[in-house]
Amino acid sequence: MAASNNRHTNIVLFGQAGAGKSSLVNLMAGKDVASTSNDMKSCTLRWKEYPIQFDGESYNVFDTVGLQEPQLGLPQYLDAVENAYTLIRNLERQGGIDLLMFCMRAGRLTTTLENNYRLFHEFLCEKKVPVIVVITHLENEAGDMDAWWAQNRDIFGEREVHVADHACITAIKGNDPDRYEQSRTTIRNVIKKFTTDGQKEAWKGGDNTLVSLLHKLREFLVGRKLHARKYIVPRLVKRCGLSLDVATKLADRINNGVVGGAT
């Protein structure tokens, strides 16, 4: 099941820089386990894994780098895409992925955020993993924090950003500890809703995903590299919002075995 007694539940956290993903991890854990430094030099382009526990259950939370952060140059951006793929592949071996958490700061649903959503939900996980959108930085929201979702939910539907549920929170203690504790309860409850025993089994990859494609590319596309580029590039451009140049370079890396050979 999605959360069994003999393995940890795997949660992949993705989203924009500055949304407070590290603070969100600490909120879930109930203690400081993730650094909240904004120093880019101290940040890795690979994911960070945080084992946490609450309410008698164990979780592995994987915090990924924002794949379209403006601080990243093209080489680093391609590395981040490769690392996202590698994480998904590794989690297949660890029992699958139970939940995607899409973290964004309260504000406008930008094209960059949409593309980040599509890369993880559609391209890497074949729409098979439930996505929870977590709206942060609502510590100064007038009235109920959940009012933000009531006012903005239709925009997500119009943009075809389909989520299974939402959590409107603050991950900053600030001057309102009651709202902070309310946020902890909210995020924990929505996680348990989609990962407790009796829910769907964790997603372990599919026949038509990028993950499966990359597993087979080195074997199948020897001498057929132009075919690989022809298939992959349009998907990366159309659904994930990559520029043609970036998508072509990523496809070339795949062809050359840089991604397909990841372990």
Protein backbone atom coordinates (compact mmCIF):
# COMPACT_ATOMS: atom_id res chain seq x y z
CA MET A 1 0.00 0.00 0.00
CA ALA A 2 1.00 3.62 -0.24
CA ALA A 3 2.08 3.60 3.39
CA SER A 4 2.93 0.24 4.83
CA ASN A 5 4.56 -0.80 8.06
CA ASN A 6 7.69 -2.12 6.34
CA ARG A 7 8.72 0.89 4.29
CA HIS A 8 8.73 4.64 4.40
CA THR A 9 6.28 6.67 2.36
CA ASN A 10 8.08 8.52 -0.43
CA ILE A 11 7.09 12.15 -1.03
CA VAL A 12 8.68 14.30 -3.74
CA LEU A 13 8.61 18.03 -3.07
CA PHE A 14 9.05 20.40 -6.00
CA GLY A 15 8.29 24.00 -6.85
CA GLN A 16 9.66 27.49 -7.09
CA ALA A 17 12.65 28.99 -5.33
CA GLY A 18 11.65 31.14 -2.39
CA ALA A 19 8.45 29.24 -1.69
CA GLY A 20 9.87 27.92 1.56
CA LYS A 21 10.31 24.23 0.73
CA SER A 22 12.89 23.71 3.48
CA SER A 23 10.65 25.47 5.98
CA LEU A 24 7.81 23.24 4.83
CA VAL A 25 9.90 20.15 5.56
CA ASN A 26 10.59 21.48 9.06
CA LEU A 27 6.90 22.22 9.56
CA MET A 28 5.99 18.65 8.64
CA ALA A 29 8.74 17.19 10.82
CA GLY A 30 7.93 19.31 13.86
CA LYS A 31 11.60 20.23 14.23
CA ASP A 32 14.45 21.73 12.24
CA VAL A 33 15.81 19.04 9.92
CA ALA A 34 16.34 21.11 6.75
CA SER A 35 18.55 24.15 6.34
CA THR A 36 16.64 27.26 5.34
CA SER A 37 19.71 29.14 4.06
CA ASN A 38 19.15 31.16 0.89
CA ASP A 39 22.83 30.94 -0.06
CA MET A 40 22.89 29.37 -3.51
CA LYS A 41 26.48 28.22 -2.96
CA SER A 42 25.31 26.00 -0.14
CA CYS A 43 22.51 24.47 -2.21
CA THR A 44 22.97 21.30 -4.19
CA LEU A 45 21.55 20.73 -7.64
CA ARG A 46 20.70 17.22 -6.54
CA TRP A 47 17.77 16.42 -4.34
CA LYS A 48 17.95 16.39 -0.57
CA GLU A 49 16.39 13.54 1.40
CA TYR A 50 14.80 14.12 4.80
CA PRO A 51 13.51 11.14 6.81
CA ILE A 52 10.74 12.40 9.08
CA GLN A 53 8.10 10.90 11.33
CA PHE A 54 4.77 12.04 12.66
CA ASP A 55 1.64 10.41 14.02
CA GLY A 56 3.34 7.01 14.12
CA GLU A 57 4.27 6.94 10.42
CA SER A 58 7.61 7.31 8.65
CA TYR A 59 8.16 9.39 5.53
CA ASN A 60 11.04 10.16 3.20
CA VAL A 61 10.69 13.68 1.82
CA PHE A 62 12.79 14.46 -1.24
CA ASP A 63 13.33 18.18 -1.82
CA THR A 64 14.28 18.94 -5.44
CA VAL A 65 15.92 22.01 -6.91
CA GLY A 66 13.59 24.34 -8.81
CA LEU A 67 14.14 23.29 -12.40
CA GLN A 68 13.66 26.77 -13.81
CA GLU A 69 15.27 28.90 -11.17
CA PRO A 70 16.79 32.01 -12.75
CA GLN A 71 20.06 31.43 -10.91
CA LEU A 72 20.71 28.27 -12.94
CA GLY A 73 22.67 28.46 -16.15
CA LEU A 74 21.96 26.06 -18.99
CA PRO A 75 24.49 23.37 -17.91
CA GLN A 76 23.18 23.44 -14.33
CA TYR A 77 19.60 23.39 -15.56
CA LEU A 78 20.25 20.27 -17.64
CA ASP A 79 21.98 18.70 -14.64
CA ALA A 80 18.88 19.43 -12.54
CA VAL A 81 16.63 17.74 -15.13
CA GLU A 82 18.90 14.71 -15.17
CA ASN A 83 18.88 14.59 -11.38
CA ALA A 84 15.09 14.76 -11.29
CA TYR A 85 15.00 11.76 -13.62
CA THR A 86 17.57 9.93 -11.49
CA LEU A 87 15.53 10.54 -8.34
CA ILE A 88 12.39 9.13 -9.95
CA ARG A 89 14.32 6.10 -11.13
CA ASN A 90 15.87 5.52 -7.70
CA LEU A 91 12.49 5.74 -6.02
CA GLU A 92 11.15 3.04 -8.32
CA ARG A 93 13.67 0.71 -6.67
CA GLN A 94 12.60 1.87 -3.21
CA GLY A 95 8.95 0.99 -3.57
CA GLY A 96 7.66 3.82 -5.73
CA ILE A 97 6.36 7.36 -5.29
CA ASP A 98 3.38 7.97 -3.06
CA LEU A 99 2.82 11.70 -3.32
CA LEU A 100 3.98 14.79 -5.21
CA MET A 101 3.88 18.09 -3.33
CA PHE A 102 3.85 21.17 -5.56
CA CYS A 103 5.06 24.08 -3.46
CA MET A 104 4.35 27.66 -4.53
CA ARG A 105 4.31 31.03 -2.86
CA ALA A 106 0.91 32.74 -2.64
CA GLY A 107 0.64 34.83 -5.77
CA ARG A 108 0.27 34.29 -9.49
CA LEU A 109 0.36 30.88 -11.15
CA THR A 110 3.14 31.64 -13.62
CA THR A 111 4.10 29.79 -16.78
CA THR A 112 7.28 28.67 -15.03
CA LEU A 113 5.22 27.05 -12.26
CA GLU A 114 2.94 25.38 -14.80
CA ASN A 115 5.93 23.94 -16.65
CA ASN A 116 7.45 22.67 -13.44
CA TYR A 117 4.17 20.94 -12.62
CA ARG A 118 3.99 19.32 -16.06
CA LEU A 119 7.55 18.07 -15.94
CA PHE A 120 7.00 16.17 -12.69
CA HIS A 121 3.34 15.18 -12.92
CA GLU A 122 2.89 14.53 -16.64
CA PHE A 123 6.32 13.84 -18.01
CA LEU A 124 8.11 12.02 -15.19
CA CYS A 125 5.18 10.39 -13.39
CA GLU A 126 2.66 9.87 -16.23
CA LYS A 127 -0.16 11.55 -14.26
CA LYS A 128 -0.24 8.52 -11.97
CA VAL A 129 0.90 10.14 -8.72
CA PRO A 130 -1.46 12.42 -6.78
CA VAL A 131 -0.32 16.04 -6.59
CA ILE A 132 -0.99 18.27 -3.62
CA VAL A 133 -0.42 21.99 -4.14
CA VAL A 134 0.93 23.71 -1.05
CA ILE A 135 0.43 27.46 -0.96
CA THR A 136 2.91 29.15 1.38
CA HIS A 137 3.57 32.61 2.83
CA LEU A 138 -0.01 33.11 3.98
CA GLU A 139 0.99 34.27 7.46
CA ASN A 140 -0.43 37.73 6.77
CA GLU A 141 -3.56 36.58 4.95
CA ALA A 142 -6.64 38.32 6.29
CA GLY A 143 -9.10 35.83 7.73
CA ASP A 144 -8.88 32.12 7.01
CA MET A 145 -5.75 31.10 5.06
CA ASP A 146 -7.87 28.70 3.01
CA ALA A 147 -9.69 31.69 1.52
CA TRP A 148 -6.76 32.05 -0.88
CA TRP A 149 -7.70 28.75 -2.54
CA ALA A 150 -11.36 29.68 -2.78
CA GLN A 151 -10.36 32.82 -4.66
CA ASN A 152 -7.79 31.19 -6.98
CA ARG A 153 -8.77 27.57 -7.55
CA ASP A 154 -10.51 28.24 -10.87
CA ILE A 155 -7.27 29.53 -12.37
CA PHE A 156 -5.64 26.14 -11.81
CA GLY A 157 -8.43 24.42 -13.69
CA GLU A 158 -8.27 26.91 -16.54
CA ARG A 159 -4.51 26.31 -16.86
CA GLU A 160 -5.00 22.52 -16.66
CA VAL A 161 -2.96 22.30 -13.49
CA HIS A 162 -4.98 19.52 -11.90
CA VAL A 163 -4.30 18.75 -8.25
CA ALA A 164 -5.85 16.19 -5.94
CA ASP A 165 -6.00 18.58 -3.00
CA HIS A 166 -4.45 21.71 -1.56
CA ALA A 167 -3.01 23.10 1.66
CA CYS A 168 -2.91 26.83 2.39
CA ILE A 169 -0.32 27.40 5.09
CA THR A 170 2.45 29.42 6.61
CA ALA A 171 5.77 27.72 7.27
CA ILE A 172 7.07 30.76 9.16
CA LYS A 173 6.55 30.90 12.90
CA GLY A 174 6.61 34.70 12.98
CA ASN A 175 4.28 36.38 15.39
CA ASP A 176 1.40 33.96 15.00
CA PRO A 177 2.30 30.59 16.54
CA ASP A 178 -1.35 29.52 16.46
CA ARG A 179 -1.51 29.92 12.68
CA TYR A 180 1.80 28.07 12.39
CA GLU A 181 0.50 25.12 14.40
CA GLN A 182 -2.71 25.18 12.38
CA SER A 183 -0.58 24.90 9.27
CA ARG A 184 1.26 21.88 10.67
CA THR A 185 -2.05 20.13 11.29
CA THR A 186 -3.28 21.03 7.81
CA ILE A 187 -0.23 19.72 5.95
CA ARG A 188 -0.02 16.54 8.00
CA ASN A 189 -3.69 15.78 7.49
CA VAL A 190 -3.52 16.20 3.73
CA ILE A 191 -0.45 13.95 3.57
CA LYS A 192 -2.17 11.24 5.59
CA LYS A 193 -5.26 11.54 3.41
CA PHE A 194 -3.33 10.32 0.39
CA THR A 195 -0.76 7.97 1.93
CA THR A 196 -2.49 6.00 4.68
CA ASP A 197 -3.16 2.28 4.41
CA GLY A 198 -6.02 1.56 2.04
CA GLN A 199 -5.00 4.18 -0.51
CA LYS A 200 -3.70 3.39 -3.98
CA GLU A 201 -0.42 1.54 -4.26
CA ALA A 202 2.64 3.68 -4.81
CA TRP A 203 3.45 4.43 -8.45
CA LYS A 204 6.48 2.45 -9.61
CA GLY A 205 6.81 3.64 -13.18
CA GLY A 206 4.85 3.01 -16.34
CA ASP A 207 5.44 1.72 -19.84
CA ASN A 208 5.03 5.10 -21.52
CA THR A 209 6.88 7.41 -19.13
CA LEU A 210 10.10 9.25 -19.73
CA VAL A 211 11.58 7.03 -17.04
CA SER A 212 10.82 3.86 -18.97
CA LEU A 213 11.90 5.51 -22.20
CA LEU A 214 15.27 6.40 -20.77
CA HIS A 215 15.73 2.92 -19.36
CA LYS A 216 15.62 1.57 -22.89
CA LEU A 217 17.13 4.36 -24.96
CA ARG A 218 20.74 3.24 -24.86
CA GLU A 219 19.79 -0.23 -26.02
CA PHE A 220 17.08 0.70 -28.49
CA LEU A 221 18.48 3.84 -30.05
CA VAL A 222 21.94 2.71 -31.04
CA GLY A 223 22.24 4.14 -34.55
CA ARG A 224 18.79 5.77 -34.20
CA LYS A 225 19.69 8.96 -32.38
CA LEU A 226 17.77 11.21 -34.71
CA HIS A 227 14.64 9.22 -33.89
CA ALA A 228 15.18 9.82 -30.18
CA ARG A 229 15.53 13.53 -30.70
CA LYS A 230 12.44 13.61 -32.93
CA TYR A 231 10.36 11.90 -30.24
CA ILE A 232 11.64 13.58 -27.10
CA VAL A 233 12.18 17.19 -28.15
CA PRO A 234 8.56 18.01 -29.06
CA ARG A 235 7.30 16.59 -25.77
CA LEU A 236 9.81 18.59 -23.75
CA VAL A 237 8.97 21.76 -25.64
CA LYS A 238 5.18 21.41 -25.76
CA ARG A 239 4.35 19.98 -22.35
CA CYS A 240 7.28 21.06 -20.18
CA GLY A 241 7.85 24.50 -21.62
CA LEU A 242 11.53 24.00 -22.41
CA SER A 243 13.06 26.09 -25.14
CA LEU A 244 13.95 24.26 -28.33
CA ASP A 245 17.64 24.74 -27.60
CA VAL A 246 17.41 23.28 -24.08
CA ALA A 247 15.18 20.38 -25.19
CA THR A 248 17.57 19.53 -28.03
CA LYS A 249 20.61 19.56 -25.74
CA LEU A 250 18.81 17.36 -23.22
CA ALA A 251 17.84 14.92 -25.97
CA ASP A 252 21.46 14.85 -27.10
CA ARG A 253 22.52 13.97 -23.56
CA ILE A 254 20.02 11.14 -23.57
CA ASN A 255 21.29 9.91 -26.91
CA ASN A 256 24.87 9.97 -25.67
CA GLY A 257 23.98 7.89 -22.62
CA VAL A 258 24.56 10.64 -20.08
CA VAL A 259 21.05 10.30 -18.68
CA GLY A 260 20.23 6.80 -19.76
CA GLY A 261 23.30 5.55 -17.96
CA ALA A 262 22.39 7.14 -14.66
CA THR A 263 22.33 4.82 -11.71
